[in-house]
């Protein structure tokens, strides 16, 4: 059997043709959820919107003020309607 030589062009071609096996079967489904779908707690809903939306809509404001946006929101408590 002879010598096999793999060139950089061979690697570039292979990377453009071959897809990672683990990612082939992963499907990401992002549901369409609106604030109107979130029930109850009407008095705190504006604060939840601020914690989630403001860092995405106004990142320059956080940078300008030198503060880091929250990393997440913890929701807890009863879901019973009043």
PDB file of N, CA and C in Angstrom:
ATOM      1  N   UNK A   1       0.842  -1.161   0.000  1.00  0.00           N
ATOM      2  CA  UNK A   1       0.000   0.000   0.000  1.00  0.00           C
ATOM      3  C   UNK A   1       0.895   1.234   0.000  1.00  0.00           C
ATOM      4  N   UNK A   2       0.497   2.254  -0.750  1.00  0.00           N
ATOM      5  CA  UNK A   2       1.301   3.460  -0.892  1.00  0.00           C
ATOM      6  C   UNK A   2       1.071   4.456   0.233  1.00  0.00           C
ATOM      7  N   UNK A   3       1.727   5.578   0.108  1.00  0.00           N
ATOM      8  CA  UNK A   3       1.613   6.652   1.085  1.00  0.00           C
ATOM      9  C   UNK A   3       0.409   7.537   0.752  1.00  0.00           C
ATOM     10  N   UNK A   4      -0.338   7.903   1.790  1.00  0.00           N
ATOM     11  CA  UNK A   4      -1.489   8.783   1.627  1.00  0.00           C
ATOM     12  C   UNK A   4      -1.117  10.147   2.197  1.00  0.00           C
ATOM     13  N   UNK A   5      -1.357  11.193   1.421  1.00  0.00           N
ATOM     14  CA  UNK A   5      -1.064  12.547   1.867  1.00  0.00           C
ATOM     15  C   UNK A   5      -2.367  13.341   1.942  1.00  0.00           C
ATOM     16  N   UNK A   6      -2.591  13.938   3.096  1.00  0.00           N
ATOM     17  CA  UNK A   6      -3.778  14.771   3.293  1.00  0.00           C
ATOM     18  C   UNK A   6      -3.310  16.221   3.315  1.00  0.00           C
ATOM     19  N   UNK A   7      -3.863  17.022   2.414  1.00  0.00           N
ATOM     20  CA  UNK A   7      -3.473  18.424   2.328  1.00  0.00           C
ATOM     21  C   UNK A   7      -4.453  19.308   3.093  1.00  0.00           C
ATOM     22  N   UNK A   8      -4.084  20.560   3.270  1.00  0.00           N
ATOM     23  CA  UNK A   8      -4.959  21.521   3.925  1.00  0.00           C
ATOM     24  C   UNK A   8      -6.245  21.697   3.132  1.00  0.00           C
ATOM     25  N   UNK A   9      -6.159  21.691   1.822  1.00  0.00           N
ATOM     26  CA  UNK A   9      -7.345  21.797   0.980  1.00  0.00           C
ATOM     27  C   UNK A   9      -8.277  20.609   1.202  1.00  0.00           C
ATOM     28  N   UNK A  10      -7.713  19.421   1.412  1.00  0.00           N
ATOM     29  CA  UNK A  10      -8.531  18.242   1.711  1.00  0.00           C
ATOM     30  C   UNK A  10      -9.317  18.444   3.003  1.00  0.00           C
ATOM     31  N   UNK A  11      -8.662  19.007   4.029  1.00  0.00           N
ATOM     32  CA  UNK A  11      -9.330  19.245   5.308  1.00  0.00           C
ATOM     33  C   UNK A  11     -10.424  20.306   5.166  1.00  0.00           C
ATOM     34  N   UNK A  12     -10.155  21.367   4.419  1.00  0.00           N
ATOM     35  CA  UNK A  12     -11.162  22.400   4.205  1.00  0.00           C
ATOM     36  C   UNK A  12     -12.390  21.832   3.489  1.00  0.00           C
ATOM     37  N   UNK A  13     -12.150  21.040   2.472  1.00  0.00           N
ATOM     38  CA  UNK A  13     -13.261  20.419   1.748  1.00  0.00           C
ATOM     39  C   UNK A  13     -14.061  19.517   2.676  1.00  0.00           C
ATOM     40  N   UNK A  14     -13.381  18.699   3.477  1.00  0.00           N
ATOM     41  CA  UNK A  14     -14.059  17.765   4.377  1.00  0.00           C
ATOM     42  C   UNK A  14     -14.903  18.510   5.405  1.00  0.00           C
ATOM     43  N   UNK A  15     -14.378  19.633   5.930  1.00  0.00           N
ATOM     44  CA  UNK A  15     -15.134  20.390   6.929  1.00  0.00           C
ATOM     45  C   UNK A  15     -16.381  21.036   6.327  1.00  0.00           C
ATOM     46  N   UNK A  16     -16.341  21.346   5.043  1.00  0.00           N
ATOM     47  CA  UNK A  16     -17.521  21.937   4.415  1.00  0.00           C
ATOM     48  C   UNK A  16     -18.566  20.879   4.063  1.00  0.00           C
ATOM     49  N   UNK A  17     -18.160  19.638   3.949  1.00  0.00           N
ATOM     50  CA  UNK A  17     -19.070  18.560   3.553  1.00  0.00           C
ATOM     51  C   UNK A  17     -19.633  17.761   4.724  1.00  0.00           C
ATOM     52  N   UNK A  18     -18.863  17.605   5.778  1.00  0.00           N
ATOM     53  CA  UNK A  18     -19.239  16.735   6.890  1.00  0.00           C
ATOM     54  C   UNK A  18     -19.874  17.568   7.993  1.00  0.00           C
ATOM     55  N   UNK A  19     -21.038  17.145   8.484  1.00  0.00           N
ATOM     56  CA  UNK A  19     -21.733  17.812   9.576  1.00  0.00           C
ATOM     57  C   UNK A  19     -21.542  16.989  10.848  1.00  0.00           C
ATOM     58  N   UNK A  20     -21.431  17.650  12.008  1.00  0.00           N
ATOM     59  CA  UNK A  20     -21.249  16.918  13.269  1.00  0.00           C
ATOM     60  C   UNK A  20     -22.415  15.963  13.513  1.00  0.00           C
ATOM     61  N   UNK A  21     -22.120  14.741  13.901  1.00  0.00           N
ATOM     62  CA  UNK A  21     -23.147  13.730  14.107  1.00  0.00           C
ATOM     63  C   UNK A  21     -24.105  14.067  15.231  1.00  0.00           C
ATOM     64  N   UNK A  22     -23.632  14.690  16.307  1.00  0.00           N
ATOM     65  CA  UNK A  22     -24.492  14.993  17.443  1.00  0.00           C
ATOM     66  C   UNK A  22     -25.507  16.072  17.094  1.00  0.00           C
ATOM     67  N   UNK A  23     -25.183  16.962  16.184  1.00  0.00           N
ATOM     68  CA  UNK A  23     -26.074  18.067  15.858  1.00  0.00           C
ATOM     69  C   UNK A  23     -27.102  17.710  14.786  1.00  0.00           C
ATOM     70  N   UNK A  24     -26.944  16.613  14.123  1.00  0.00           N
ATOM     71  CA  UNK A  24     -27.881  16.245  13.053  1.00  0.00           C
ATOM     72  C   UNK A  24     -29.291  16.032  13.570  1.00  0.00           C
ATOM     73  N   UNK A  25     -29.398  15.476  14.763  1.00  0.00           N
ATOM     74  CA  UNK A  25     -30.711  15.097  15.257  1.00  0.00           C
ATOM     75  C   UNK A  25     -31.238  16.055  16.317  1.00  0.00           C
ATOM     76  N   UNK A  26     -30.630  17.212  16.467  1.00  0.00           N
ATOM     77  CA  UNK A  26     -31.078  18.182  17.451  1.00  0.00           C
ATOM     78  C   UNK A  26     -31.963  19.206  16.768  1.00  0.00           C
ATOM     79  N   UNK A  27     -33.175  19.320  17.228  1.00  0.00           N
ATOM     80  CA  UNK A  27     -34.097  20.324  16.706  1.00  0.00           C
ATOM     81  C   UNK A  27     -34.486  21.248  17.854  1.00  0.00           C
ATOM     82  N   UNK A  28     -34.325  22.526  17.658  1.00  0.00           N
ATOM     83  CA  UNK A  28     -34.652  23.489  18.696  1.00  0.00           C
ATOM     84  C   UNK A  28     -35.992  24.115  18.348  1.00  0.00           C
ATOM     85  N   UNK A  29     -36.920  23.976  19.259  1.00  0.00           N
ATOM     86  CA  UNK A  29     -38.260  24.515  19.059  1.00  0.00           C
ATOM     87  C   UNK A  29     -38.455  25.663  20.038  1.00  0.00           C
ATOM     88  N   UNK A  30     -38.603  26.872  19.521  1.00  0.00           N
ATOM     89  CA  UNK A  30     -38.814  28.045  20.357  1.00  0.00           C
ATOM     90  C   UNK A  30     -40.292  28.419  20.275  1.00  0.00           C
ATOM     91  N   UNK A  31     -41.008  28.257  21.382  1.00  0.00           N
ATOM     92  CA  UNK A  31     -42.436  28.563  21.342  1.00  0.00           C
ATOM     93  C   UNK A  31     -42.675  30.070  21.267  1.00  0.00           C
ATOM     94  N   UNK A  32     -43.805  30.448  20.677  1.00  0.00           N
ATOM     95  CA  UNK A  32     -44.212  31.848  20.605  1.00  0.00           C
ATOM     96  C   UNK A  32     -44.991  32.168  21.885  1.00  0.00           C
ATOM     97  N   UNK A  33     -44.331  32.794  22.843  1.00  0.00           N
ATOM     98  CA  UNK A  33     -44.959  33.135  24.115  1.00  0.00           C
ATOM     99  C   UNK A  33     -44.977  34.648  24.240  1.00  0.00           C
ATOM    100  N   UNK A  34     -46.124  35.178  24.607  1.00  0.00           N
ATOM    101  CA  UNK A  34     -46.279  36.623  24.795  1.00  0.00           C
ATOM    102  C   UNK A  34     -46.504  36.907  26.283  1.00  0.00           C
ATOM    103  N   UNK A  35     -46.313  38.157  26.672  1.00  0.00           N
ATOM    104  CA  UNK A  35     -46.533  38.516  28.070  1.00  0.00           C
ATOM    105  C   UNK A  35     -47.983  38.278  28.467  1.00  0.00           C
ATOM    106  N   UNK A  36     -48.905  38.374  27.522  1.00  0.00           N
ATOM    107  CA  UNK A  36     -50.314  38.120  27.843  1.00  0.00           C
ATOM    108  C   UNK A  36     -50.556  36.650  28.192  1.00  0.00           C
ATOM    109  N   UNK A  37     -49.624  35.759  27.810  1.00  0.00           N
ATOM    110  CA  UNK A  37     -49.735  34.340  28.149  1.00  0.00           C
ATOM    111  C   UNK A  37     -49.335  34.065  29.598  1.00  0.00           C
ATOM    112  N   UNK A  38     -48.626  35.010  30.226  1.00  0.00           N
ATOM    113  CA  UNK A  38     -48.181  34.846  31.607  1.00  0.00           C
ATOM    114  C   UNK A  38     -49.304  35.327  32.499  1.00  0.00           C
ATOM    115  N   UNK A  39     -49.845  34.431  33.313  1.00  0.00           N
ATOM    116  CA  UNK A  39     -51.007  34.776  34.112  1.00  0.00           C
ATOM    117  C   UNK A  39     -50.674  35.203  35.526  1.00  0.00           C
ATOM    118  N   UNK A  40     -51.558  36.009  36.093  1.00  0.00           N
ATOM    119  CA  UNK A  40     -51.453  36.416  37.488  1.00  0.00           C
ATOM    120  C   UNK A  40     -50.337  37.404  37.760  1.00  0.00           C
ATOM    121  N   UNK A  41     -50.221  37.784  39.026  1.00  0.00           N
ATOM    122  CA  UNK A  41     -49.150  38.655  39.501  1.00  0.00           C
ATOM    123  C   UNK A  41     -49.047  39.945  38.690  1.00  0.00           C
ATOM    124  N   UNK A  42     -50.194  40.558  38.398  1.00  0.00           N
ATOM    125  CA  UNK A  42     -50.206  41.756  37.563  1.00  0.00           C
ATOM    126  C   UNK A  42     -49.366  42.882  38.142  1.00  0.00           C
ATOM    127  N   UNK A  43     -49.255  42.971  39.472  1.00  0.00           N
ATOM    128  CA  UNK A  43     -48.490  44.037  40.081  1.00  0.00           C
ATOM    129  C   UNK A  43     -46.978  43.876  39.883  1.00  0.00           C
ATOM    130  N   UNK A  44     -46.498  42.661  39.653  1.00  0.00           N
ATOM    131  CA  UNK A  44     -45.060  42.466  39.446  1.00  0.00           C
ATOM    132  C   UNK A  44     -44.699  42.192  37.984  1.00  0.00           C
ATOM    133  N   UNK A  45     -45.691  42.077  37.120  1.00  0.00           N
ATOM    134  CA  UNK A  45     -45.420  41.802  35.710  1.00  0.00           C
ATOM    135  C   UNK A  45     -44.518  42.864  35.077  1.00  0.00           C
ATOM    136  N   UNK A  46     -44.710  44.180  35.366  1.00  0.00           N
ATOM    137  CA  UNK A  46     -43.783  45.168  34.792  1.00  0.00           C
ATOM    138  C   UNK A  46     -42.334  44.953  35.207  1.00  0.00           C
ATOM    139  N   UNK A  47     -42.096  44.523  36.441  1.00  0.00           N
ATOM    140  CA  UNK A  47     -40.724  44.257  36.883  1.00  0.00           C
ATOM    141  C   UNK A  47     -40.137  43.044  36.168  1.00  0.00           C
ATOM    142  N   UNK A  48     -40.969  42.048  35.922  1.00  0.00           N
ATOM    143  CA  UNK A  48     -40.489  40.877  35.174  1.00  0.00           C
ATOM    144  C   UNK A  48     -40.123  41.278  33.751  1.00  0.00           C
ATOM    145  N   UNK A  49     -40.958  42.115  33.136  1.00  0.00           N
ATOM    146  CA  UNK A  49     -40.670  42.581  31.778  1.00  0.00           C
ATOM    147  C   UNK A  49     -39.364  43.361  31.748  1.00  0.00           C
ATOM    148  N   UNK A  50     -39.148  44.219  32.751  1.00  0.00           N
ATOM    149  CA  UNK A  50     -37.907  44.996  32.810  1.00  0.00           C
ATOM    150  C   UNK A  50     -36.695  44.080  32.949  1.00  0.00           C
ATOM    151  N   UNK A  51     -36.799  43.073  33.800  1.00  0.00           N
ATOM    152  CA  UNK A  51     -35.671  42.178  34.042  1.00  0.00           C
ATOM    153  C   UNK A  51     -35.325  41.361  32.802  1.00  0.00           C
ATOM    154  N   UNK A  52     -36.314  41.037  31.980  1.00  0.00           N
ATOM    155  CA  UNK A  52     -36.087  40.200  30.802  1.00  0.00           C
ATOM    156  C   UNK A  52     -35.822  41.032  29.552  1.00  0.00           C
ATOM    157  N   UNK A  53     -36.655  42.056  29.311  1.00  0.00           N
ATOM    158  CA  UNK A  53     -36.579  42.804  28.057  1.00  0.00           C
ATOM    159  C   UNK A  53     -35.503  43.883  28.028  1.00  0.00           C
ATOM    160  N   UNK A  54     -35.356  44.639  29.094  1.00  0.00           N
ATOM    161  CA  UNK A  54     -34.451  45.788  29.058  1.00  0.00           C
ATOM    162  C   UNK A  54     -33.016  45.435  28.697  1.00  0.00           C
ATOM    163  N   UNK A  55     -32.423  44.373  29.257  1.00  0.00           N
ATOM    164  CA  UNK A  55     -31.040  44.049  28.860  1.00  0.00           C
ATOM    165  C   UNK A  55     -30.917  43.709  27.372  1.00  0.00           C
ATOM    166  N   UNK A  56     -31.978  43.169  26.785  1.00  0.00           N
ATOM    167  CA  UNK A  56     -31.942  42.824  25.367  1.00  0.00           C
ATOM    168  C   UNK A  56     -32.180  44.035  24.481  1.00  0.00           C
ATOM    169  N   UNK A  57     -33.087  44.904  24.907  1.00  0.00           N
ATOM    170  CA  UNK A  57     -33.433  46.075  24.091  1.00  0.00           C
ATOM    171  C   UNK A  57     -32.482  47.253  24.280  1.00  0.00           C
ATOM    172  N   UNK A  58     -31.864  47.368  25.449  1.00  0.00           N
ATOM    173  CA  UNK A  58     -31.028  48.527  25.763  1.00  0.00           C
ATOM    174  C   UNK A  58     -29.681  48.129  26.371  1.00  0.00           C
ATOM    175  N   UNK A  59     -28.899  47.289  25.695  1.00  0.00           N
ATOM    176  CA  UNK A  59     -27.616  46.873  26.298  1.00  0.00           C
ATOM    177  C   UNK A  59     -26.654  48.045  26.482  1.00  0.00           C
ATOM    178  N   UNK A  60     -26.753  49.066  25.610  1.00  0.00           N
ATOM    179  CA  UNK A  60     -25.844  50.212  25.721  1.00  0.00           C
ATOM    180  C   UNK A  60     -26.092  50.987  27.010  1.00  0.00           C
ATOM    181  N   UNK A  61     -27.319  51.006  27.508  1.00  0.00           N
ATOM    182  CA  UNK A  61     -27.616  51.701  28.758  1.00  0.00           C
ATOM    183  C   UNK A  61     -26.918  51.021  29.934  1.00  0.00           C
ATOM    184  N   UNK A  62     -26.915  49.706  29.950  1.00  0.00           N
ATOM    185  CA  UNK A  62     -26.248  48.971  31.028  1.00  0.00           C
ATOM    186  C   UNK A  62     -24.740  49.196  30.966  1.00  0.00           C
ATOM    187  N   UNK A  63     -24.199  49.201  29.755  1.00  0.00           N
ATOM    188  CA  UNK A  63     -22.764  49.440  29.588  1.00  0.00           C
ATOM    189  C   UNK A  63     -22.408  50.842  30.039  1.00  0.00           C
ATOM    190  N   UNK A  64     -23.207  51.825  29.637  1.00  0.00           N
ATOM    191  CA  UNK A  64     -22.962  53.225  29.985  1.00  0.00           C
ATOM    192  C   UNK A  64     -22.983  53.430  31.499  1.00  0.00           C
ATOM    193  N   UNK A  65     -23.915  52.759  32.188  1.00  0.00           N
ATOM    194  CA  UNK A  65     -24.024  52.911  33.639  1.00  0.00           C
ATOM    195  C   UNK A  65     -23.047  52.021  34.389  1.00  0.00           C
ATOM    196  N   UNK A  66     -22.365  51.117  33.669  1.00  0.00           N
ATOM    197  CA  UNK A  66     -21.388  50.243  34.305  1.00  0.00           C
ATOM    198  C   UNK A  66     -21.999  49.171  35.181  1.00  0.00           C
ATOM    199  N   UNK A  67     -23.193  48.720  34.832  1.00  0.00           N
ATOM    200  CA  UNK A  67     -23.844  47.662  35.620  1.00  0.00           C
ATOM    201  C   UNK A  67     -24.091  46.438  34.745  1.00  0.00           C
ATOM    202  N   UNK A  68     -24.186  45.309  35.390  1.00  0.00           N
ATOM    203  CA  UNK A  68     -24.457  44.043  34.706  1.00  0.00           C
ATOM    204  C   UNK A  68     -25.944  43.721  34.841  1.00  0.00           C
ATOM    205  N   UNK A  69     -26.604  43.333  33.756  1.00  0.00           N
ATOM    206  CA  UNK A  69     -28.005  42.927  33.883  1.00  0.00           C
ATOM    207  C   UNK A  69     -28.119  41.617  34.658  1.00  0.00           C
ATOM    208  N   UNK A  70     -29.307  41.357  35.145  1.00  0.00           N
ATOM    209  CA  UNK A  70     -29.543  40.116  35.887  1.00  0.00           C
ATOM    210  C   UNK A  70     -29.289  38.911  35.000  1.00  0.00           C
ATOM    211  N   UNK A  71     -28.874  37.828  35.614  1.00  0.00           N
ATOM    212  CA  UNK A  71     -28.598  36.594  34.876  1.00  0.00           C
ATOM    213  C   UNK A  71     -29.857  35.761  34.661  1.00  0.00           C
ATOM    214  N   UNK A  72     -30.888  36.012  35.441  1.00  0.00           N
ATOM    215  CA  UNK A  72     -32.106  35.237  35.308  1.00  0.00           C
ATOM    216  C   UNK A  72     -33.166  35.750  36.251  1.00  0.00           C
ATOM    217  N   UNK A  73     -34.326  35.140  36.190  1.00  0.00           N
ATOM    218  CA  UNK A  73     -35.450  35.517  37.028  1.00  0.00           C
ATOM    219  C   UNK A  73     -35.986  34.246  37.684  1.00  0.00           C
ATOM    220  N   UNK A  74     -36.122  34.273  38.986  1.00  0.00           N
ATOM    221  CA  UNK A  74     -36.679  33.141  39.720  1.00  0.00           C
ATOM    222  C   UNK A  74     -38.145  33.407  39.999  1.00  0.00           C
ATOM    223  N   UNK A  75     -38.999  32.559  39.463  1.00  0.00           N
ATOM    224  CA  UNK A  75     -40.429  32.669  39.698  1.00  0.00           C
ATOM    225  C   UNK A  75     -40.838  31.595  40.693  1.00  0.00           C
ATOM    226  N   UNK A  76     -41.614  31.976  41.711  1.00  0.00           N
ATOM    227  CA  UNK A  76     -42.053  31.012  42.693  1.00  0.00           C
ATOM    228  C   UNK A  76     -43.400  31.442  43.238  1.00  0.00           C
ATOM    229  N   UNK A  77     -44.051  30.562  43.945  1.00  0.00           N
ATOM    230  CA  UNK A  77     -45.310  30.899  44.597  1.00  0.00           C
ATOM    231  C   UNK A  77     -46.497  30.191  43.980  1.00  0.00           C
ATOM    232  N   UNK A  78     -47.638  30.531  44.506  1.00  0.00           N
ATOM    233  CA  UNK A  78     -48.881  29.904  44.093  1.00  0.00           C
ATOM    234  C   UNK A  78     -49.295  30.402  42.717  1.00  0.00           C
ATOM    235  N   UNK A  79     -49.927  29.543  41.960  1.00  0.00           N
ATOM    236  CA  UNK A  79     -50.450  29.914  40.650  1.00  0.00           C
ATOM    237  C   UNK A  79     -51.953  30.102  40.699  1.00  0.00           C
ATOM    238  N   UNK A  80     -52.519  30.103  41.903  1.00  0.00           N
ATOM    239  CA  UNK A  80     -53.965  30.227  42.043  1.00  0.00           C
ATOM    240  C   UNK A  80     -54.426  31.621  41.634  1.00  0.00           C
ATOM    241  N   UNK A  81     -55.510  31.680  40.881  1.00  0.00           N
ATOM    242  CA  UNK A  81     -56.057  32.959  40.446  1.00  0.00           C
ATOM    243  C   UNK A  81     -56.834  33.593  41.605  1.00  0.00           C
ATOM    244  N   UNK A  82     -56.751  34.926  41.679  1.00  0.00           N
ATOM    245  CA  UNK A  82     -57.478  35.598  42.760  1.00  0.00           C
ATOM    246  C   UNK A  82     -58.840  36.047  42.309  1.00  0.00           C
TER     247      UNK A  82
END
